[in-house]
Amino acid sequence: MDLLTWGFMGLFAGTFLAGTVVPFPSEALVIGAYELEQTFWPVIAVATAGNFIGGLTNYWIGYKSNSKRLKRKFNLRQSKINRWKKRLDRWGIWLGLLSWIPIIGDPMLGILGFYKVRFWPLAIMILIGKLGRYWILLWLYFAGFVEH
């Protein structure tokens, strides 16, 4: 199934999947959408929205997994959790800017959710990081730095 035949809905679905822990090549999808005569800003907006919501899904999964049962199962000491929570409350929101990085960004958002890092400041940083990723990608492609 070719997601690009679905237009912006396919672009959204593909970038959403790429924003979750599902390995999916969103960059190729974004460039493909642009090449199919979509315009620059709508492609960036739809791709960012899909990837952003996918990232928030990872955060939500981590948030919901912070339970007594899970802590007991993995023998997580509350003192260690509290120490990391204190660090992440102070600096964790900045990690949202790095959430676009393949392989580490998606699980990182789950961990930030587990530690219940403040949602709105983190969400803003996630949005900035993901928007920047697609803007730079298409700018480099448009400028000829990425091969056509």
C-alpha atoms as a PDB file:
ATOM      1  CA  MET A   1       0.000   0.000   0.000  1.00  0.00           C
ATOM      2  CA  ASP A   2       1.386   3.369  -1.000  1.00  0.00           C
ATOM      3  CA  LEU A   3       0.544   5.997   1.598  1.00  0.00           C
ATOM      4  CA  LEU A   4       1.231   8.838  -0.809  1.00  0.00           C
ATOM      5  CA  THR A   5      -1.790   7.852  -2.927  1.00  0.00           C
ATOM      6  CA  TRP A   6      -3.885   8.945   0.064  1.00  0.00           C
ATOM      7  CA  GLY A   7      -2.519  12.489  -0.191  1.00  0.00           C
ATOM      8  CA  PHE A   8      -2.232  14.440   3.027  1.00  0.00           C
ATOM      9  CA  MET A   9      -4.106  11.750   4.963  1.00  0.00           C
ATOM     10  CA  GLY A  10      -1.414   9.236   3.978  1.00  0.00           C
ATOM     11  CA  LEU A  11       1.336  11.703   4.853  1.00  0.00           C
ATOM     12  CA  PHE A  12      -0.249  12.244   8.263  1.00  0.00           C
ATOM     13  CA  ALA A  13      -0.635   8.491   8.878  1.00  0.00           C
ATOM     14  CA  GLY A  14       2.956   7.746   7.869  1.00  0.00           C
ATOM     15  CA  THR A  15       4.486  10.512   9.957  1.00  0.00           C
ATOM     16  CA  PHE A  16       2.272   9.524  12.889  1.00  0.00           C
ATOM     17  CA  LEU A  17       3.606   5.958  12.683  1.00  0.00           C
ATOM     18  CA  ALA A  18       7.165   7.279  12.443  1.00  0.00           C
ATOM     19  CA  GLY A  19       6.526   9.374  15.570  1.00  0.00           C
ATOM     20  CA  THR A  20       5.600   6.288  17.566  1.00  0.00           C
ATOM     21  CA  VAL A  21       7.944   3.399  18.238  1.00  0.00           C
ATOM     22  CA  VAL A  22       7.082   1.885  14.839  1.00  0.00           C
ATOM     23  CA  PRO A  23      10.160   2.176  12.598  1.00  0.00           C
ATOM     24  CA  PHE A  24       8.974   4.063   9.546  1.00  0.00           C
ATOM     25  CA  PRO A  25      10.868   6.277   7.051  1.00  0.00           C
ATOM     26  CA  SER A  26       9.044   9.576   7.396  1.00  0.00           C
ATOM     27  CA  GLU A  27      11.736  11.564   5.571  1.00  0.00           C
ATOM     28  CA  ALA A  28      11.140   9.638   2.330  1.00  0.00           C
ATOM     29  CA  LEU A  29       7.408  10.153   2.740  1.00  0.00           C
ATOM     30  CA  VAL A  30       7.805  13.904   3.253  1.00  0.00           C
ATOM     31  CA  ILE A  31      10.060  14.293   0.219  1.00  0.00           C
ATOM     32  CA  GLY A  32       7.710  12.088  -1.796  1.00  0.00           C
ATOM     33  CA  ALA A  33       4.715  14.241  -0.856  1.00  0.00           C
ATOM     34  CA  TYR A  34       6.628  17.351  -1.850  1.00  0.00           C
ATOM     35  CA  GLU A  35       7.646  15.776  -5.161  1.00  0.00           C
ATOM     36  CA  LEU A  36       4.025  14.923  -5.925  1.00  0.00           C
ATOM     37  CA  GLU A  37       3.458  18.640  -6.350  1.00  0.00           C
ATOM     38  CA  GLN A  38       2.296  19.366  -2.865  1.00  0.00           C
ATOM     39  CA  THR A  39       3.412  22.747  -1.593  1.00  0.00           C
ATOM     40  CA  PHE A  40       6.171  23.348   0.951  1.00  0.00           C
ATOM     41  CA  TRP A  41       4.279  24.621   4.006  1.00  0.00           C
ATOM     42  CA  PRO A  42       1.263  22.284   3.883  1.00  0.00           C
ATOM     43  CA  VAL A  43       3.620  19.279   3.622  1.00  0.00           C
ATOM     44  CA  ILE A  44       5.590  20.549   6.624  1.00  0.00           C
ATOM     45  CA  ALA A  45       2.407  21.271   8.606  1.00  0.00           C
ATOM     46  CA  VAL A  46       0.825  17.859   8.006  1.00  0.00           C
ATOM     47  CA  ALA A  47       4.074  15.945   8.578  1.00  0.00           C
ATOM     48  CA  THR A  48       4.790  17.875  11.778  1.00  0.00           C
ATOM     49  CA  ALA A  49       1.251  17.324  13.081  1.00  0.00           C
ATOM     50  CA  GLY A  50       1.405  13.576  12.449  1.00  0.00           C
ATOM     51  CA  ASN A  51       4.858  13.151  13.957  1.00  0.00           C
ATOM     52  CA  PHE A  52       3.997  15.404  16.912  1.00  0.00           C
ATOM     53  CA  ILE A  53       0.869  13.420  17.768  1.00  0.00           C
ATOM     54  CA  GLY A  54       2.854  10.190  17.397  1.00  0.00           C
ATOM     55  CA  GLY A  55       5.411  11.529  19.867  1.00  0.00           C
ATOM     56  CA  LEU A  56       2.668  12.523  22.297  1.00  0.00           C
ATOM     57  CA  THR A  57       1.369   8.958  22.018  1.00  0.00           C
ATOM     58  CA  ASN A  58       4.750   7.698  23.247  1.00  0.00           C
ATOM     59  CA  TYR A  59       4.592  10.164  26.134  1.00  0.00           C
ATOM     60  CA  TRP A  60       1.081   8.980  27.026  1.00  0.00           C
ATOM     61  CA  ILE A  61       2.120   5.303  26.949  1.00  0.00           C
ATOM     62  CA  GLY A  62       5.010   6.080  29.306  1.00  0.00           C
ATOM     63  CA  TYR A  63       2.754   8.185  31.519  1.00  0.00           C
ATOM     64  CA  LYS A  64       0.219   5.383  31.853  1.00  0.00           C
ATOM     65  CA  SER A  65       2.904   2.760  32.481  1.00  0.00           C
ATOM     66  CA  ASN A  66       4.126   4.457  35.664  1.00  0.00           C
ATOM     67  CA  SER A  67       2.300   2.092  37.992  1.00  0.00           C
ATOM     68  CA  LYS A  68       3.027   0.287  41.225  1.00  0.00           C
ATOM     69  CA  ARG A  69       2.736  -3.060  39.453  1.00  0.00           C
ATOM     70  CA  LEU A  70       5.350  -2.144  36.837  1.00  0.00           C
ATOM     71  CA  LYS A  71       7.698  -0.726  39.450  1.00  0.00           C
ATOM     72  CA  ARG A  72       7.391  -3.908  41.466  1.00  0.00           C
ATOM     73  CA  LYS A  73       7.861  -6.145  38.419  1.00  0.00           C
ATOM     74  CA  PHE A  74      11.125  -4.433  37.411  1.00  0.00           C
ATOM     75  CA  ASN A  75      12.255  -3.858  40.999  1.00  0.00           C
ATOM     76  CA  LEU A  76      12.438  -0.084  40.547  1.00  0.00           C
ATOM     77  CA  ARG A  77      13.343   1.612  43.806  1.00  0.00           C
ATOM     78  CA  GLN A  78      11.283   4.695  44.583  1.00  0.00           C
ATOM     79  CA  SER A  79      14.385   6.592  45.771  1.00  0.00           C
ATOM     80  CA  LYS A  80      16.014   6.159  42.348  1.00  0.00           C
ATOM     81  CA  ILE A  81      12.803   7.122  40.558  1.00  0.00           C
ATOM     82  CA  ASN A  82      12.515  10.257  42.713  1.00  0.00           C
ATOM     83  CA  ARG A  83      16.129  11.246  41.976  1.00  0.00           C
ATOM     84  CA  TRP A  84      15.612  10.938  38.213  1.00  0.00           C
ATOM     85  CA  LYS A  85      12.225  12.654  38.446  1.00  0.00           C
ATOM     86  CA  LYS A  86      13.848  15.665  40.094  1.00  0.00           C
ATOM     87  CA  ARG A  87      16.448  15.904  37.294  1.00  0.00           C
ATOM     88  CA  LEU A  88      13.905  15.460  34.545  1.00  0.00           C
ATOM     89  CA  ASP A  89      11.520  18.002  36.046  1.00  0.00           C
ATOM     90  CA  ARG A  90      14.289  20.554  35.751  1.00  0.00           C
ATOM     91  CA  TRP A  91      15.891  19.616  32.418  1.00  0.00           C
ATOM     92  CA  GLY A  92      13.607  17.053  30.799  1.00  0.00           C
ATOM     93  CA  ILE A  93      11.539  19.467  28.763  1.00  0.00           C
ATOM     94  CA  TRP A  94      14.627  20.375  26.714  1.00  0.00           C
ATOM     95  CA  LEU A  95      14.893  16.745  25.612  1.00  0.00           C
ATOM     96  CA  GLY A  96      11.729  17.378  23.616  1.00  0.00           C
ATOM     97  CA  LEU A  97      13.865  19.287  21.112  1.00  0.00           C
ATOM     98  CA  LEU A  98      15.724  16.023  20.431  1.00  0.00           C
ATOM     99  CA  SER A  99      12.651  13.838  20.114  1.00  0.00           C
ATOM    100  CA  TRP A 100      12.961  13.799  16.312  1.00  0.00           C
ATOM    101  CA  ILE A 101      16.228  11.822  16.423  1.00  0.00           C
ATOM    102  CA  PRO A 102      15.680   8.329  15.008  1.00  0.00           C
ATOM    103  CA  ILE A 103      15.930   5.330  17.344  1.00  0.00           C
ATOM    104  CA  ILE A 104      16.421   7.330  20.580  1.00  0.00           C
ATOM    105  CA  GLY A 105      13.769  10.049  20.338  1.00  0.00           C
ATOM    106  CA  ASP A 106      10.682   7.858  20.466  1.00  0.00           C
ATOM    107  CA  PRO A 107      11.597   5.755  23.520  1.00  0.00           C
ATOM    108  CA  MET A 108      12.933   8.888  25.210  1.00  0.00           C
ATOM    109  CA  LEU A 109       9.439  10.402  25.085  1.00  0.00           C
ATOM    110  CA  GLY A 110       8.065   7.264  26.710  1.00  0.00           C
ATOM    111  CA  ILE A 111      10.596   7.645  29.519  1.00  0.00           C
ATOM    112  CA  LEU A 112       9.699  11.320  29.941  1.00  0.00           C
ATOM    113  CA  GLY A 113       6.059  10.246  30.192  1.00  0.00           C
ATOM    114  CA  PHE A 114       6.957   7.594  32.777  1.00  0.00           C
ATOM    115  CA  TYR A 115       8.547  10.302  34.910  1.00  0.00           C
ATOM    116  CA  LYS A 116       5.561  12.575  34.279  1.00  0.00           C
ATOM    117  CA  VAL A 117       7.633  15.489  33.006  1.00  0.00           C
ATOM    118  CA  ARG A 118       5.487  18.628  32.750  1.00  0.00           C
ATOM    119  CA  PHE A 119       3.337  18.123  29.676  1.00  0.00           C
ATOM    120  CA  TRP A 120       2.808  21.578  28.127  1.00  0.00           C
ATOM    121  CA  PRO A 121       6.415  22.824  28.202  1.00  0.00           C
ATOM    122  CA  LEU A 122       7.566  19.439  26.885  1.00  0.00           C
ATOM    123  CA  ALA A 123       4.892  19.438  24.165  1.00  0.00           C
ATOM    124  CA  ILE A 124       6.077  22.849  22.944  1.00  0.00           C
ATOM    125  CA  MET A 125       9.666  21.600  22.723  1.00  0.00           C
ATOM    126  CA  ILE A 126       8.564  18.435  20.907  1.00  0.00           C
ATOM    127  CA  LEU A 127       6.626  20.553  18.408  1.00  0.00           C
ATOM    128  CA  ILE A 128       9.606  22.846  17.793  1.00  0.00           C
ATOM    129  CA  GLY A 129      11.963  19.881  17.311  1.00  0.00           C
ATOM    130  CA  LYS A 130       9.698  18.036  14.906  1.00  0.00           C
ATOM    131  CA  LEU A 131       8.821  21.183  12.931  1.00  0.00           C
ATOM    132  CA  GLY A 132      12.520  22.023  12.660  1.00  0.00           C
ATOM    133  CA  ARG A 133      13.325  18.529  11.424  1.00  0.00           C
ATOM    134  CA  TYR A 134      10.916  18.651   8.487  1.00  0.00           C
ATOM    135  CA  TRP A 135      11.611  22.283   7.661  1.00  0.00           C
ATOM    136  CA  ILE A 136      15.365  21.616   7.454  1.00  0.00           C
ATOM    137  CA  LEU A 137      14.800  18.408   5.476  1.00  0.00           C
ATOM    138  CA  LEU A 138      12.671  20.100   2.808  1.00  0.00           C
ATOM    139  CA  TRP A 139      14.848  23.205   2.754  1.00  0.00           C
ATOM    140  CA  LEU A 140      17.940  21.051   2.120  1.00  0.00           C
ATOM    141  CA  TYR A 141      16.076  19.076  -0.528  1.00  0.00           C
ATOM    142  CA  PHE A 142      14.738  22.215  -2.206  1.00  0.00           C
ATOM    143  CA  ALA A 143      18.182  23.857  -2.096  1.00  0.00           C
ATOM    144  CA  GLY A 144      19.719  20.800  -3.749  1.00  0.00           C
ATOM    145  CA  PHE A 145      21.782  19.593  -0.809  1.00  0.00           C
ATOM    146  CA  VAL A 146      19.825  16.344  -0.709  1.00  0.00           C
ATOM    147  CA  GLU A 147      19.907  14.440  -3.983  1.00  0.00           C
ATOM    148  CA  HIS A 148      16.772  14.556  -6.114  1.00  0.00           C
END
